[in-house]
Amino acid sequence: MSQAEAVLESERPNLAIPVGVVLVVLGVVLSGTVLEWALFPAGTLVGTTRRALALGIGRLVLGAAGIYLVTKRPRLTAIDLTAFTITGVVSALVGAVLLQLAYVPPRVVSGWKSAVPVAERNELGFRGRHLTYSADDYVVLLLGDSQVESTALAFDAMPERLLESHLGMPNARVFSIGTGGYGQDQELLALEEYFAKQRANLVVLWQTPGNDVWNNVFKTHMANRNPKPTFWLDQSRTLQGPSEGLLEPMGTSRVVVFGLLQRAFGLPWRDRSWERSLPPAYVPMARYDGPVRTDWQERWATNLGRMRDENLDTEKSHMAVKLTPRSPRMQYGLDLTHALIGRIQQVALANHARLVVFSADAPPETMNDEVYVLNGKYYRMSERQFGENWRDVNDGFDAETIPVTVRDWRVSAEDGHLNQQATDQVMTELAQRLRARIVGQRSALSTAE
């Protein structure tokens, strides 16, 4: 370096301190809470394990680098920053080329089907026996979510088998369509796929009241953040959608880097922007002087039943349907669920099938108007509100509620699905209630012929 160049270099300002300050600020500010507020859906980072750890390490690296620059003040000029930038861009381009040549990203689709072993799946990819029946068989289609799939039960003890056995009717065949995490949105699309090649005389929709509303409202599931087809109500409360077809590929750019960016940022932002478009959610009380229940806080402390996945701020929660008073967001979700069931009924009728809707009513964990505390916020819960919500959803449909009379009905403390004894009790009662409808439907068909 010549003397003139050395003088010029010495005259350039040292940017170590301002750059260091920026890095320290970024390390402090870029918390999971801030990132979720600005970009990602709630729960994407906060409360997670690996993602929160990776973010924490990244923040520490930024902070440590900033502190080093501020305290040691190594010479860092605009030329150095330009060189770093050019080096980074070139490295990124080389990495992008290598990714394009050597890496095939895993396929991302909208929605999902059953993940059970292939031997336990029917022709549509759901847990259940093959869709085999004769022209004389009376076909019952059991449509629903994880309660229909019942992965905790043996394959031969699935609800479809128990229901068929308890119907006790000649030529009656029962098949299953549905898997864990489904709301009426994916159930509707699965039903349309079923009727494209199959037939049914009776569609039995198994509702899960704690799940169905938020399953329908949001573009992702609670825990896995999988994107899914979503319907919505327009300003005139008319059902619109779906946003995509069931199992439609997403993030499919032929440029690998762009596809990865779509998955890392595009899909989370899609979910976040969707949440922001919804009506206001329930507002908890900031303080409450009366008696409160601490069950939720105790579950949160140990993450029992994945309690930390419950997002009461957005109502993406199993408990939301019992919150009182009903929020604008809950009202929207109830209206949306009612509209989806209406569309399911239309599809069934168009294919010469009758729709019956039912839910299994387990003993309530709350009484009317009890207040729960969670992380300094107070939530009023009500079985009365829960009942009103679901009466509105099922208004105008042929609906049944079957009480669960088995005392120990859960699969486990961590798993709130019906165990085999409770499933058998519910299917026994359901068969009794369906039998008169089936006989009447068969008699009507015989008269028409």
Protein backbone atom coordinates (compact mmCIF):
# COMPACT_ATOMS: atom_id res chain seq x y z
CA MET A 1 0.00 0.00 0.00
CA SER A 2 1.44 3.39 -1.00
CA GLN A 3 1.72 6.28 1.42
CA ALA A 4 -1.19 8.09 -0.30
CA GLU A 5 -3.37 5.00 -0.03
CA ALA A 6 -2.41 4.62 3.62
CA VAL A 7 -3.39 8.22 4.32
CA LEU A 8 -6.68 7.74 2.47
CA GLU A 9 -7.36 4.56 4.43
CA SER A 10 -6.66 6.31 7.73
CA GLU A 11 -9.09 9.08 6.81
CA ARG A 12 -11.97 6.66 6.30
CA PRO A 13 -14.20 6.55 9.39
CA ASN A 14 -14.10 3.44 11.58
CA LEU A 15 -17.58 1.92 11.52
CA ALA A 16 -16.93 -0.67 14.23
CA ILE A 17 -19.00 1.11 16.90
CA PRO A 18 -22.13 1.90 14.82
CA VAL A 19 -22.10 -1.60 13.27
CA GLY A 20 -21.57 -3.12 16.71
CA VAL A 21 -24.46 -1.13 18.14
CA VAL A 22 -26.74 -2.29 15.30
CA LEU A 23 -25.77 -5.93 15.94
CA VAL A 24 -26.39 -5.61 19.67
CA VAL A 25 -29.79 -3.99 19.06
CA LEU A 26 -30.74 -6.75 16.62
CA GLY A 27 -29.66 -9.39 19.13
CA VAL A 28 -31.86 -7.77 21.79
CA VAL A 29 -34.87 -6.90 19.64
CA LEU A 30 -35.24 -10.00 17.47
CA SER A 31 -37.08 -12.03 20.09
CA GLY A 32 -39.63 -14.69 19.25
CA THR A 33 -42.41 -12.38 20.43
CA VAL A 34 -41.32 -9.55 18.11
CA LEU A 35 -40.86 -11.87 15.12
CA GLU A 36 -44.29 -13.42 15.68
CA TRP A 37 -45.85 -9.97 15.93
CA ALA A 38 -44.16 -8.78 12.72
CA LEU A 39 -44.05 -11.89 10.54
CA PHE A 40 -44.77 -15.32 11.90
CA PRO A 41 -48.00 -16.79 13.33
CA ALA A 42 -48.25 -16.94 17.11
CA GLY A 43 -46.62 -20.11 18.46
CA THR A 44 -44.16 -20.45 15.57
CA LEU A 45 -41.23 -19.59 17.85
CA VAL A 46 -42.47 -18.83 21.35
CA GLY A 47 -42.86 -22.02 23.36
CA THR A 48 -41.07 -24.22 20.81
CA THR A 49 -37.88 -26.17 21.48
CA ARG A 50 -35.53 -26.40 18.49
CA ARG A 51 -36.68 -23.23 16.74
CA ALA A 52 -36.52 -21.18 19.94
CA LEU A 53 -33.07 -22.61 20.68
CA ALA A 54 -31.81 -21.76 17.18
CA LEU A 55 -33.18 -18.24 17.49
CA GLY A 56 -31.58 -17.85 20.91
CA ILE A 57 -28.19 -18.96 19.60
CA GLY A 58 -28.49 -16.57 16.66
CA ARG A 59 -29.30 -13.67 18.97
CA LEU A 60 -26.33 -14.52 21.20
CA VAL A 61 -24.00 -14.59 18.18
CA LEU A 62 -25.29 -11.19 17.01
CA GLY A 63 -24.94 -9.72 20.48
CA ALA A 64 -21.47 -11.15 21.03
CA ALA A 65 -20.26 -9.87 17.66
CA GLY A 66 -21.70 -6.43 18.42
CA ILE A 67 -20.08 -6.26 21.87
CA TYR A 68 -16.74 -7.28 20.37
CA LEU A 69 -16.91 -4.50 17.78
CA VAL A 70 -17.94 -1.88 20.36
CA THR A 71 -15.33 -2.82 22.97
CA LYS A 72 -12.34 -3.84 20.82
CA ARG A 73 -13.05 -1.38 18.01
CA PRO A 74 -11.17 -3.18 15.22
CA ARG A 75 -10.79 -1.08 12.13
CA LEU A 76 -13.94 -1.57 10.03
CA THR A 77 -14.46 0.76 7.09
CA ALA A 78 -16.98 1.05 4.29
CA ILE A 79 -14.51 -0.81 2.06
CA ASP A 80 -14.48 -3.72 4.53
CA LEU A 81 -18.28 -3.80 4.68
CA THR A 82 -18.45 -3.73 0.87
CA ALA A 83 -15.97 -6.61 0.69
CA PHE A 84 -17.98 -8.58 3.25
CA THR A 85 -21.17 -7.90 1.28
CA ILE A 86 -19.64 -8.98 -2.03
CA THR A 87 -18.19 -12.10 -0.43
CA GLY A 88 -21.55 -12.91 1.11
CA VAL A 89 -23.43 -12.43 -2.15
CA VAL A 90 -20.95 -14.58 -4.09
CA SER A 91 -21.11 -17.28 -1.41
CA ALA A 92 -24.90 -17.18 -1.49
CA LEU A 93 -24.94 -17.53 -5.28
CA VAL A 94 -22.53 -20.47 -5.16
CA GLY A 95 -24.62 -22.07 -2.43
CA ALA A 96 -27.79 -21.51 -4.46
CA VAL A 97 -26.23 -23.20 -7.48
CA LEU A 98 -25.09 -26.16 -5.37
CA LEU A 99 -28.57 -26.45 -3.84
CA GLN A 100 -30.13 -26.35 -7.29
CA LEU A 101 -27.88 -29.16 -8.48
CA ALA A 102 -27.82 -31.41 -5.42
CA TYR A 103 -30.95 -30.84 -3.30
CA VAL A 104 -34.58 -31.73 -3.86
CA PRO A 105 -36.78 -30.07 -1.17
CA PRO A 106 -39.41 -32.25 0.48
CA ARG A 107 -42.83 -31.86 -1.05
CA VAL A 108 -45.20 -29.46 0.71
CA VAL A 109 -48.92 -29.78 0.02
CA SER A 110 -52.06 -28.14 1.32
CA GLY A 111 -53.78 -30.48 3.71
CA TRP A 112 -53.02 -34.06 4.58
CA LYS A 113 -54.34 -37.58 4.79
CA SER A 114 -53.71 -40.43 7.19
CA ALA A 115 -50.15 -41.31 8.23
CA VAL A 116 -50.98 -44.83 9.41
CA PRO A 117 -49.30 -47.84 7.72
CA VAL A 118 -50.40 -48.37 4.14
CA ALA A 119 -51.94 -51.72 5.05
CA GLU A 120 -54.48 -49.88 7.24
CA ARG A 121 -55.52 -47.33 4.60
CA ASN A 122 -58.47 -47.49 2.25
CA GLU A 123 -58.44 -46.39 -1.39
CA LEU A 124 -58.70 -42.70 -0.47
CA GLY A 125 -55.73 -42.78 1.91
CA PHE A 126 -57.65 -42.84 5.19
CA ARG A 127 -57.47 -45.40 7.98
CA GLY A 128 -60.11 -48.02 7.38
CA ARG A 129 -60.85 -51.13 5.39
CA HIS A 130 -61.15 -51.09 1.63
CA LEU A 131 -64.24 -49.59 0.04
CA THR A 132 -65.75 -52.86 -1.11
CA TYR A 133 -69.51 -53.35 -1.25
CA SER A 134 -72.19 -54.82 -3.49
CA ALA A 135 -75.06 -53.15 -5.32
CA ASP A 136 -77.48 -54.42 -2.64
CA ASP A 137 -75.47 -53.13 0.34
CA TYR A 138 -76.61 -50.17 2.41
CA VAL A 139 -73.48 -48.02 2.66
CA VAL A 140 -72.81 -45.82 5.69
CA LEU A 141 -69.94 -43.35 5.45
CA LEU A 142 -68.44 -42.25 8.76
CA LEU A 143 -66.94 -38.80 8.14
CA GLY A 144 -64.79 -36.95 10.68
CA ASP A 145 -61.38 -36.43 12.18
CA SER A 146 -59.13 -38.26 14.63
CA GLN A 147 -62.13 -39.72 16.47
CA VAL A 148 -63.08 -41.55 13.26
CA GLU A 149 -59.47 -42.57 12.61
CA SER A 150 -58.94 -43.75 16.23
CA THR A 151 -55.25 -44.58 15.94
CA ALA A 152 -55.15 -45.56 19.63
CA LEU A 153 -57.52 -48.46 18.89
CA ALA A 154 -56.73 -51.71 17.13
CA PHE A 155 -57.55 -51.73 13.43
CA ASP A 156 -60.38 -54.25 13.94
CA ALA A 157 -61.79 -52.13 16.79
CA MET A 158 -62.15 -48.90 14.80
CA PRO A 159 -65.47 -47.04 15.06
CA GLU A 160 -66.47 -48.21 11.55
CA ARG A 161 -66.25 -51.85 12.64
CA LEU A 162 -68.03 -51.27 15.94
CA LEU A 163 -70.83 -49.27 14.33
CA GLU A 164 -71.39 -51.88 11.64
CA SER A 165 -71.48 -54.64 14.25
CA HIS A 166 -73.93 -52.79 16.48
CA LEU A 167 -76.23 -51.89 13.59
CA GLY A 168 -76.85 -55.62 13.28
CA MET A 169 -78.49 -55.17 9.89
CA PRO A 170 -78.02 -57.40 6.86
CA ASN A 171 -76.05 -55.87 4.00
CA ALA A 172 -75.07 -52.77 6.03
CA ARG A 173 -71.47 -51.66 5.39
CA VAL A 174 -69.66 -48.85 7.21
CA PHE A 175 -66.51 -47.09 5.91
CA SER A 176 -64.31 -44.28 7.24
CA ILE A 177 -63.23 -40.97 5.73
CA GLY A 178 -61.17 -38.62 7.89
CA THR A 179 -57.96 -38.18 9.83
CA GLY A 180 -56.46 -36.23 12.71
CA GLY A 181 -56.71 -32.44 12.56
CA TYR A 182 -59.55 -32.30 10.06
CA GLY A 183 -62.27 -29.69 10.28
CA GLN A 184 -65.35 -29.63 8.12
CA ASP A 185 -63.28 -27.92 5.40
CA GLN A 186 -61.06 -30.92 4.66
CA GLU A 187 -63.93 -33.29 5.45
CA LEU A 188 -65.95 -31.59 2.72
CA LEU A 189 -63.16 -31.98 0.18
CA ALA A 190 -62.62 -35.62 1.17
CA LEU A 191 -66.35 -36.28 0.79
CA GLU A 192 -66.35 -34.78 -2.70
CA GLU A 193 -63.41 -37.01 -3.59
CA TYR A 194 -65.25 -40.03 -2.21
CA PHE A 195 -68.43 -39.40 -4.20
CA ALA A 196 -66.43 -38.94 -7.41
CA LYS A 197 -66.06 -42.75 -7.55
CA GLN A 198 -68.11 -44.25 -4.70
CA ARG A 199 -71.64 -44.16 -3.37
CA ALA A 200 -73.26 -44.01 0.07
CA ASN A 201 -76.78 -44.11 1.43
CA LEU A 202 -76.01 -42.35 4.70
CA VAL A 203 -73.24 -39.91 5.65
CA VAL A 204 -72.62 -39.71 9.39
CA LEU A 205 -70.60 -36.64 10.32
CA TRP A 206 -68.81 -37.05 13.65
CA GLN A 207 -68.24 -33.59 15.09
CA THR A 208 -65.53 -32.79 17.63
CA PRO A 209 -66.86 -29.63 19.30
CA GLY A 210 -63.57 -28.63 20.93
CA ASN A 211 -61.68 -28.73 17.64
CA ASP A 212 -63.93 -28.12 14.68
CA VAL A 213 -64.43 -24.36 14.85
CA TRP A 214 -60.77 -23.37 15.02
CA ASN A 215 -59.88 -26.18 12.58
CA ASN A 216 -62.14 -24.42 10.08
CA VAL A 217 -61.16 -20.82 10.85
CA PHE A 218 -57.38 -20.99 10.45
CA LYS A 219 -55.12 -21.83 7.52
CA THR A 220 -52.91 -24.15 9.56
CA HIS A 221 -53.25 -26.72 12.28
CA MET A 222 -52.28 -25.89 15.85
CA ALA A 223 -49.13 -27.90 16.48
CA ASN A 224 -47.53 -28.78 13.15
CA ARG A 225 -48.30 -25.56 11.21
CA ASN A 226 -49.16 -27.61 8.13
CA PRO A 227 -50.95 -25.47 5.52
CA LYS A 228 -54.42 -26.66 4.57
CA PRO A 229 -57.28 -25.77 2.25
CA THR A 230 -59.42 -23.11 3.91
CA PHE A 231 -62.88 -21.74 3.22
CA TRP A 232 -64.17 -18.35 4.29
CA LEU A 233 -67.32 -16.25 4.49
CA ASP A 234 -67.52 -13.12 2.37
CA GLN A 235 -69.22 -9.87 3.43
CA SER A 236 -72.65 -11.34 2.64
CA ARG A 237 -71.86 -14.41 4.79
CA THR A 238 -71.67 -16.60 1.67
CA LEU A 239 -69.25 -19.54 1.76
CA GLN A 240 -66.23 -19.06 -0.50
CA GLY A 241 -63.22 -21.26 -1.25
CA PRO A 242 -61.30 -23.41 -0.89
CA SER A 243 -58.01 -21.54 -0.96
CA GLU A 244 -56.40 -24.63 -2.55
CA GLY A 245 -57.37 -28.18 -3.38
CA LEU A 246 -56.73 -31.03 -0.96
CA LEU A 247 -53.06 -32.11 -1.34
CA GLU A 248 -52.36 -29.33 -3.85
CA PRO A 249 -48.56 -28.67 -3.94
CA MET A 250 -47.30 -25.43 -2.40
CA GLY A 251 -43.97 -23.60 -2.52
CA THR A 252 -43.28 -25.22 -5.89
CA SER A 253 -40.80 -22.78 -7.47
CA ARG A 254 -38.36 -24.55 -9.78
CA VAL A 255 -35.60 -22.44 -8.24
CA VAL A 256 -34.75 -24.31 -5.04
CA VAL A 257 -33.74 -21.21 -3.08
CA PHE A 258 -37.01 -19.45 -3.93
CA GLY A 259 -38.97 -22.55 -2.96
CA LEU A 260 -37.18 -22.70 0.40
CA LEU A 261 -37.84 -19.00 0.99
CA GLN A 262 -41.52 -19.54 0.21
CA ARG A 263 -41.64 -22.30 2.80
CA ALA A 264 -39.61 -20.44 5.43
CA PHE A 265 -41.30 -17.05 5.08
CA GLY A 266 -44.13 -17.15 2.53
CA LEU A 267 -46.21 -19.86 4.19
CA PRO A 268 -45.86 -18.44 7.73
CA TRP A 269 -46.74 -14.98 6.46
CA ARG A 270 -49.74 -16.47 4.66
CA ASP A 271 -50.94 -17.81 8.00
CA ARG A 272 -50.16 -14.58 9.84
CA SER A 273 -51.93 -12.34 7.32
CA TRP A 274 -54.95 -14.67 7.43
CA GLU A 275 -55.17 -14.34 11.21
CA ARG A 276 -55.08 -10.56 10.91
CA SER A 277 -58.04 -10.62 8.51
CA LEU A 278 -60.31 -12.35 11.03
CA PRO A 279 -62.75 -10.56 13.34
CA PRO A 280 -61.53 -9.66 16.85
CA ALA A 281 -60.82 -12.52 19.22
CA TYR A 282 -61.89 -12.95 22.84
CA VAL A 283 -60.41 -10.39 25.24
CA PRO A 284 -59.56 -11.89 28.66
CA MET A 285 -59.79 -9.97 31.91
CA ALA A 286 -56.60 -8.32 33.12
CA ARG A 287 -57.64 -8.85 36.75
CA TYR A 288 -60.31 -10.75 38.65
CA ASP A 289 -60.94 -10.78 42.40
CA GLY A 290 -63.19 -13.81 42.68
CA PRO A 291 -62.32 -17.53 42.90
CA VAL A 292 -60.31 -18.88 39.98
CA ARG A 293 -59.28 -22.30 38.73
CA THR A 294 -55.58 -22.94 38.21
CA ASP A 295 -55.88 -26.10 36.09
CA TRP A 296 -54.61 -24.40 32.94
CA GLN A 297 -51.61 -22.88 34.66
CA GLU A 298 -50.70 -26.26 36.15
CA ARG A 299 -50.97 -27.90 32.74
CA TRP A 300 -48.89 -25.10 31.22
CA ALA A 301 -46.11 -25.67 33.75
CA THR A 302 -45.62 -29.28 32.62
CA ASN A 303 -47.02 -28.87 29.08
CA LEU A 304 -49.52 -31.60 29.85
CA GLY A 305 -51.51 -32.48 26.74
CA ARG A 306 -49.39 -29.97 24.75
CA MET A 307 -50.99 -27.14 26.67
CA ARG A 308 -48.43 -24.64 25.34
CA ASP A 309 -49.76 -25.16 21.83
CA GLU A 310 -53.10 -23.71 22.95
CA ASN A 311 -53.31 -20.12 21.68
CA LEU A 312 -56.12 -18.37 23.49
CA ASP A 313 -55.01 -14.97 22.17
CA THR A 314 -56.14 -15.99 18.67
CA GLU A 315 -58.74 -18.59 19.77
CA LYS A 316 -56.76 -21.34 18.06
CA SER A 317 -57.51 -23.49 21.07
CA HIS A 318 -59.64 -26.40 22.19
CA MET A 319 -60.95 -24.26 25.05
CA ALA A 320 -62.06 -21.32 22.91
CA VAL A 321 -65.54 -22.65 22.16
CA LYS A 322 -66.42 -22.40 25.88
CA LEU A 323 -65.24 -18.82 26.37
CA THR A 324 -67.98 -16.40 27.34
CA PRO A 325 -69.17 -14.00 26.15
CA ARG A 326 -68.97 -15.13 22.54
CA SER A 327 -66.40 -13.07 20.62
CA PRO A 328 -66.83 -11.73 17.06
CA ARG A 329 -64.21 -14.26 15.95
CA MET A 330 -66.12 -17.13 17.56
CA GLN A 331 -69.33 -15.93 15.91
CA TYR A 332 -67.56 -15.96 12.56
CA GLY A 333 -66.21 -19.47 13.25
CA LEU A 334 -69.65 -20.79 14.19
CA ASP A 335 -71.20 -19.29 11.05
CA LEU A 336 -68.40 -20.71 8.92
CA THR A 337 -68.79 -24.18 10.46
CA HIS A 338 -72.56 -24.07 9.92
CA ALA A 339 -72.03 -23.10 6.27
CA LEU A 340 -69.51 -25.91 5.75
CA ILE A 341 -71.89 -28.50 7.19
CA GLY A 342 -74.56 -27.08 4.92
CA ARG A 343 -72.28 -27.65 1.94
CA ILE A 344 -71.56 -31.20 3.16
CA GLN A 345 -75.30 -31.82 3.29
CA GLN A 346 -75.69 -30.48 -0.25
CA VAL A 347 -72.99 -32.84 -1.51
CA ALA A 348 -74.60 -35.79 0.27
CA LEU A 349 -78.08 -35.00 -1.10
CA ALA A 350 -76.71 -34.50 -4.61
CA ASN A 351 -75.37 -38.04 -4.38
CA HIS A 352 -78.63 -39.50 -3.03
CA ALA A 353 -77.38 -39.81 0.54
CA ARG A 354 -78.81 -38.55 3.83
CA LEU A 355 -76.70 -36.61 6.35
CA VAL A 356 -76.79 -37.20 10.10
CA VAL A 357 -74.57 -35.15 12.39
CA PHE A 358 -73.55 -36.31 15.86
CA SER A 359 -71.09 -35.60 18.65
CA ALA A 360 -69.99 -37.60 21.66
CA ASP A 361 -70.55 -35.53 24.80
CA ALA A 362 -67.94 -36.37 27.44
CA PRO A 363 -68.53 -35.24 31.05
CA PRO A 364 -67.73 -31.50 31.26
CA GLU A 365 -64.59 -30.28 32.99
CA THR A 366 -66.16 -26.91 33.81
CA MET A 367 -69.39 -25.69 35.28
CA ASN A 368 -71.19 -22.54 34.18
CA ASP A 369 -69.22 -19.31 34.42
CA GLU A 370 -66.00 -20.48 36.03
CA VAL A 371 -62.90 -18.32 35.68
CA TYR A 372 -59.51 -19.77 34.77
CA VAL A 373 -56.16 -18.02 35.13
CA LEU A 374 -53.32 -18.47 32.66
CA ASN A 375 -50.15 -16.37 32.56
CA GLY A 376 -51.74 -13.45 34.37
CA LYS A 377 -54.92 -13.36 32.27
CA TYR A 378 -58.39 -14.45 33.36
CA TYR A 379 -60.82 -16.35 31.13
CA ARG A 380 -64.49 -16.97 31.86
CA MET A 381 -65.65 -20.43 30.74
CA SER A 382 -69.23 -21.61 30.43
CA GLU A 383 -70.89 -24.90 29.53
CA ARG A 384 -74.01 -22.88 28.80
CA GLN A 385 -72.12 -20.85 26.20
CA PHE A 386 -70.69 -24.05 24.75
CA GLY A 387 -74.19 -25.49 24.35
CA GLU A 388 -75.50 -22.32 22.73
CA ASN A 389 -72.60 -22.25 20.30
CA TRP A 390 -73.20 -25.77 19.07
CA ARG A 391 -76.97 -25.40 18.91
CA ASP A 392 -76.36 -22.52 16.51
CA VAL A 393 -73.92 -24.60 14.44
CA ASN A 394 -76.35 -27.52 14.12
CA ASP A 395 -79.51 -25.49 13.64
CA GLY A 396 -81.50 -27.05 10.79
CA PHE A 397 -79.48 -30.27 10.58
CA ASP A 398 -80.43 -33.79 11.68
CA ALA A 399 -78.18 -33.79 14.75
CA GLU A 400 -77.66 -36.11 17.70
CA THR A 401 -75.66 -35.73 20.91
CA ILE A 402 -74.57 -38.97 22.53
CA PRO A 403 -73.45 -38.75 26.16
CA VAL A 404 -70.32 -40.65 27.10
CA THR A 405 -71.36 -42.72 30.11
CA VAL A 406 -68.09 -44.59 30.60
CA ARG A 407 -66.38 -43.21 33.69
CA ASP A 408 -62.75 -43.54 32.51
CA TRP A 409 -63.28 -42.58 28.88
CA ARG A 410 -59.93 -41.05 27.87
CA VAL A 411 -57.14 -42.94 26.12
CA SER A 412 -54.70 -41.41 28.65
CA ALA A 413 -54.03 -38.26 30.65
CA GLU A 414 -52.18 -36.90 27.60
CA ASP A 415 -54.70 -38.15 25.05
CA GLY A 416 -58.29 -36.91 25.22
CA HIS A 417 -59.67 -39.26 22.55
CA LEU A 418 -62.23 -41.90 23.44
CA ASN A 419 -60.69 -45.19 24.52
CA GLN A 420 -62.01 -48.52 23.24
CA GLN A 421 -64.64 -48.96 25.95
CA ALA A 422 -66.02 -45.45 25.46
CA THR A 423 -65.92 -45.76 21.66
CA ASP A 424 -67.88 -49.01 21.87
CA GLN A 425 -70.48 -47.38 24.14
CA VAL A 426 -70.89 -44.42 21.80
CA MET A 427 -71.12 -46.60 18.67
CA THR A 428 -73.72 -48.80 20.40
CA GLU A 429 -75.91 -45.77 21.12
CA LEU A 430 -75.30 -44.29 17.67
CA ALA A 431 -76.34 -47.56 16.02
CA GLN A 432 -79.61 -47.52 17.98
CA ARG A 433 -80.37 -43.97 16.86
CA LEU A 434 -79.48 -44.62 13.23
CA ARG A 435 -81.39 -47.86 12.88
CA ALA A 436 -84.83 -46.22 12.67
CA ARG A 437 -83.54 -43.74 10.08
CA ILE A 438 -82.07 -46.53 7.98
CA VAL A 439 -85.25 -48.60 8.12
CA GLY A 440 -87.31 -45.55 7.18
CA GLN A 441 -84.99 -44.66 4.32
CA ARG A 442 -85.08 -48.22 2.98
CA SER A 443 -88.88 -48.25 3.19
CA ALA A 444 -89.08 -44.96 1.32
CA LEU A 445 -86.80 -46.30 -1.41
CA SER A 446 -88.84 -49.49 -1.72
CA THR A 447 -92.08 -47.48 -2.02
CA ALA A 448 -90.53 -45.23 -4.64
CA GLU A 449 -89.49 -48.24 -6.68
